[in-house]
Amino acid sequence: MKAADLRAKTSEELKAMVTELLREQFNLRMQNGSGQLAKPSQIKTVRRDIARIKTIMKEMETASSS
């Protein structure tokens, strides 16, 4: 997921993406706990995607309030 692509989305779309990624992160953690996770690197990728989206949301928030 590229930051430039995310900046083109609306705040509602970004919120929906964060919600979806948080669900995916939860499912990956459950799979990891039960020993069924095939790619442990997916957890890292999802975590970074969530952080990237939240950072862009914060940038948008500060830009609109300035």
N, C-alpha and C. Protein backbone atom coordinates (compact mmCIF):
# COMPACT_ATOMS: atom_id res chain seq x y z
N MET A 1 0.84 -1.17 0.00
CA MET A 1 0.00 0.00 0.00
C MET A 1 0.89 1.24 0.00
N LYS A 2 0.71 2.09 -0.97
CA LYS A 2 1.52 3.29 -1.12
C LYS A 2 0.83 4.48 -0.45
N ALA A 3 1.63 5.35 0.13
CA ALA A 3 1.10 6.53 0.80
C ALA A 3 0.41 7.46 -0.19
N ALA A 4 0.93 7.57 -1.38
CA ALA A 4 0.32 8.44 -2.39
C ALA A 4 -1.08 7.96 -2.74
N ASP A 5 -1.28 6.66 -2.81
CA ASP A 5 -2.61 6.11 -3.09
C ASP A 5 -3.57 6.41 -1.95
N LEU A 6 -3.07 6.33 -0.73
CA LEU A 6 -3.91 6.57 0.43
C LEU A 6 -4.32 8.03 0.55
N ARG A 7 -3.43 8.94 0.15
CA ARG A 7 -3.74 10.37 0.24
C ARG A 7 -4.88 10.76 -0.70
N ALA A 8 -5.10 9.97 -1.73
CA ALA A 8 -6.17 10.26 -2.69
C ALA A 8 -7.54 9.84 -2.16
N LYS A 9 -7.57 9.06 -1.10
CA LYS A 9 -8.84 8.57 -0.55
C LYS A 9 -9.43 9.56 0.44
N THR A 10 -10.74 9.43 0.67
CA THR A 10 -11.41 10.29 1.64
C THR A 10 -11.20 9.74 3.05
N SER A 11 -11.52 10.56 4.03
CA SER A 11 -11.32 10.14 5.41
C SER A 11 -12.23 8.96 5.77
N GLU A 12 -13.42 8.92 5.19
CA GLU A 12 -14.33 7.80 5.46
C GLU A 12 -13.77 6.49 4.91
N GLU A 13 -13.19 6.55 3.73
CA GLU A 13 -12.58 5.36 3.14
C GLU A 13 -11.40 4.88 3.99
N LEU A 14 -10.62 5.83 4.50
CA LEU A 14 -9.47 5.47 5.33
C LEU A 14 -9.93 4.83 6.64
N LYS A 15 -10.98 5.37 7.23
CA LYS A 15 -11.51 4.78 8.47
C LYS A 15 -11.98 3.36 8.24
N ALA A 16 -12.63 3.14 7.11
CA ALA A 16 -13.10 1.79 6.78
C ALA A 16 -11.92 0.84 6.59
N MET A 17 -10.87 1.33 5.96
CA MET A 17 -9.69 0.50 5.75
C MET A 17 -9.02 0.15 7.08
N VAL A 18 -8.95 1.11 8.00
CA VAL A 18 -8.35 0.83 9.31
C VAL A 18 -9.16 -0.23 10.04
N THR A 19 -10.47 -0.11 10.00
CA THR A 19 -11.33 -1.09 10.67
C THR A 19 -11.11 -2.48 10.09
N GLU A 20 -11.04 -2.56 8.78
CA GLU A 20 -10.82 -3.85 8.11
C GLU A 20 -9.44 -4.43 8.48
N LEU A 21 -8.43 -3.58 8.50
CA LEU A 21 -7.08 -4.04 8.84
C LEU A 21 -6.97 -4.46 10.30
N LEU A 22 -7.69 -3.79 11.18
CA LEU A 22 -7.67 -4.20 12.59
C LEU A 22 -8.30 -5.57 12.77
N ARG A 23 -9.36 -5.84 12.02
CA ARG A 23 -9.96 -7.18 12.06
C ARG A 23 -8.99 -8.23 11.53
N GLU A 24 -8.31 -7.89 10.44
CA GLU A 24 -7.34 -8.81 9.86
C GLU A 24 -6.20 -9.06 10.84
N GLN A 25 -5.75 -8.01 11.52
CA GLN A 25 -4.68 -8.15 12.50
C GLN A 25 -5.11 -9.08 13.64
N PHE A 26 -6.35 -8.92 14.09
CA PHE A 26 -6.86 -9.80 15.15
C PHE A 26 -6.87 -11.25 14.68
N ASN A 27 -7.36 -11.48 13.47
CA ASN A 27 -7.41 -12.85 12.94
C ASN A 27 -6.02 -13.45 12.80
N LEU A 28 -5.05 -12.63 12.37
CA LEU A 28 -3.68 -13.12 12.24
C LEU A 28 -3.09 -13.47 13.60
N ARG A 29 -3.40 -12.66 14.61
CA ARG A 29 -2.90 -12.96 15.96
C ARG A 29 -3.49 -14.26 16.48
N MET A 30 -4.76 -14.50 16.20
CA MET A 30 -5.41 -15.74 16.64
C MET A 30 -4.79 -16.94 15.92
N GLN A 31 -4.55 -16.79 14.63
CA GLN A 31 -3.91 -17.87 13.87
C GLN A 31 -2.51 -18.14 14.39
N ASN A 32 -1.79 -17.06 14.74
CA ASN A 32 -0.43 -17.22 15.25
C ASN A 32 -0.46 -17.94 16.60
N GLY A 33 -1.41 -17.60 17.42
CA GLY A 33 -1.51 -18.22 18.74
C GLY A 33 -1.84 -19.69 18.67
N SER A 34 -2.62 -20.07 17.68
CA SER A 34 -3.00 -21.48 17.54
C SER A 34 -2.02 -22.26 16.66
N GLY A 35 -1.01 -21.57 16.14
CA GLY A 35 -0.01 -22.25 15.33
C GLY A 35 -0.41 -22.50 13.90
N GLN A 36 -1.40 -21.81 13.39
CA GLN A 36 -1.88 -22.03 12.03
C GLN A 36 -1.38 -20.99 11.03
N LEU A 37 -0.65 -19.99 11.50
CA LEU A 37 -0.22 -18.91 10.62
C LEU A 37 0.92 -19.37 9.73
N ALA A 38 0.69 -19.26 8.40
CA ALA A 38 1.69 -19.72 7.44
C ALA A 38 2.79 -18.68 7.23
N LYS A 39 2.42 -17.40 7.18
CA LYS A 39 3.38 -16.33 6.93
C LYS A 39 3.38 -15.36 8.11
N PRO A 40 4.29 -15.51 9.05
CA PRO A 40 4.35 -14.59 10.19
C PRO A 40 4.65 -13.14 9.79
N SER A 41 5.21 -12.93 8.63
CA SER A 41 5.52 -11.57 8.18
C SER A 41 4.25 -10.77 7.87
N GLN A 42 3.12 -11.45 7.71
CA GLN A 42 1.86 -10.75 7.45
C GLN A 42 1.48 -9.85 8.60
N ILE A 43 1.79 -10.26 9.83
CA ILE A 43 1.46 -9.46 11.00
C ILE A 43 2.18 -8.12 10.92
N LYS A 44 3.44 -8.15 10.58
CA LYS A 44 4.25 -6.94 10.46
C LYS A 44 3.71 -6.02 9.37
N THR A 45 3.34 -6.61 8.24
CA THR A 45 2.82 -5.84 7.11
C THR A 45 1.53 -5.14 7.47
N VAL A 46 0.62 -5.86 8.11
CA VAL A 46 -0.67 -5.28 8.50
C VAL A 46 -0.47 -4.17 9.52
N ARG A 47 0.41 -4.41 10.48
CA ARG A 47 0.68 -3.40 11.52
C ARG A 47 1.20 -2.11 10.89
N ARG A 48 2.10 -2.24 9.94
CA ARG A 48 2.66 -1.06 9.28
C ARG A 48 1.63 -0.36 8.39
N ASP A 49 0.75 -1.12 7.75
CA ASP A 49 -0.30 -0.51 6.95
C ASP A 49 -1.24 0.31 7.83
N ILE A 50 -1.58 -0.22 9.00
CA ILE A 50 -2.45 0.51 9.93
C ILE A 50 -1.76 1.81 10.34
N ALA A 51 -0.49 1.74 10.68
CA ALA A 51 0.24 2.93 11.10
C ALA A 51 0.31 3.95 9.97
N ARG A 52 0.52 3.48 8.75
CA ARG A 52 0.61 4.38 7.59
C ARG A 52 -0.71 5.11 7.38
N ILE A 53 -1.82 4.39 7.48
CA ILE A 53 -3.13 5.01 7.28
C ILE A 53 -3.42 6.01 8.40
N LYS A 54 -3.12 5.64 9.63
CA LYS A 54 -3.37 6.55 10.75
C LYS A 54 -2.52 7.81 10.63
N THR A 55 -1.30 7.69 10.14
CA THR A 55 -0.44 8.85 9.95
C THR A 55 -1.03 9.79 8.91
N ILE A 56 -1.53 9.24 7.82
CA ILE A 56 -2.12 10.06 6.76
C ILE A 56 -3.41 10.71 7.25
N MET A 57 -4.19 9.98 8.05
CA MET A 57 -5.40 10.56 8.62
C MET A 57 -5.06 11.75 9.51
N LYS A 58 -4.01 11.63 10.30
CA LYS A 58 -3.57 12.72 11.17
C LYS A 58 -3.08 13.91 10.35
N GLU A 59 -2.35 13.63 9.26
CA GLU A 59 -1.90 14.70 8.38
C GLU A 59 -3.09 15.47 7.80
N MET A 60 -4.10 14.73 7.37
CA MET A 60 -5.28 15.35 6.80
C MET A 60 -6.00 16.20 7.85
N GLU A 61 -6.05 15.69 9.06
CA GLU A 61 -6.73 16.40 10.15
C GLU A 61 -6.01 17.72 10.47
N THR A 62 -4.70 17.67 10.55
CA THR A 62 -3.94 18.88 10.87
C THR A 62 -3.97 19.88 9.70
N ALA A 63 -4.00 19.39 8.48
CA ALA A 63 -4.05 20.27 7.32
C ALA A 63 -5.39 20.98 7.24
N SER A 64 -6.46 20.31 7.62
CA SER A 64 -7.79 20.94 7.53
C SER A 64 -8.01 21.92 8.68
N SER A 65 -7.35 21.72 9.80
CA SER A 65 -7.53 22.63 10.94
C SER A 65 -6.63 23.84 10.85
N SER A 66 -5.62 23.80 10.00
CA SER A 66 -4.70 24.94 9.89
C SER A 66 -5.24 26.03 9.00
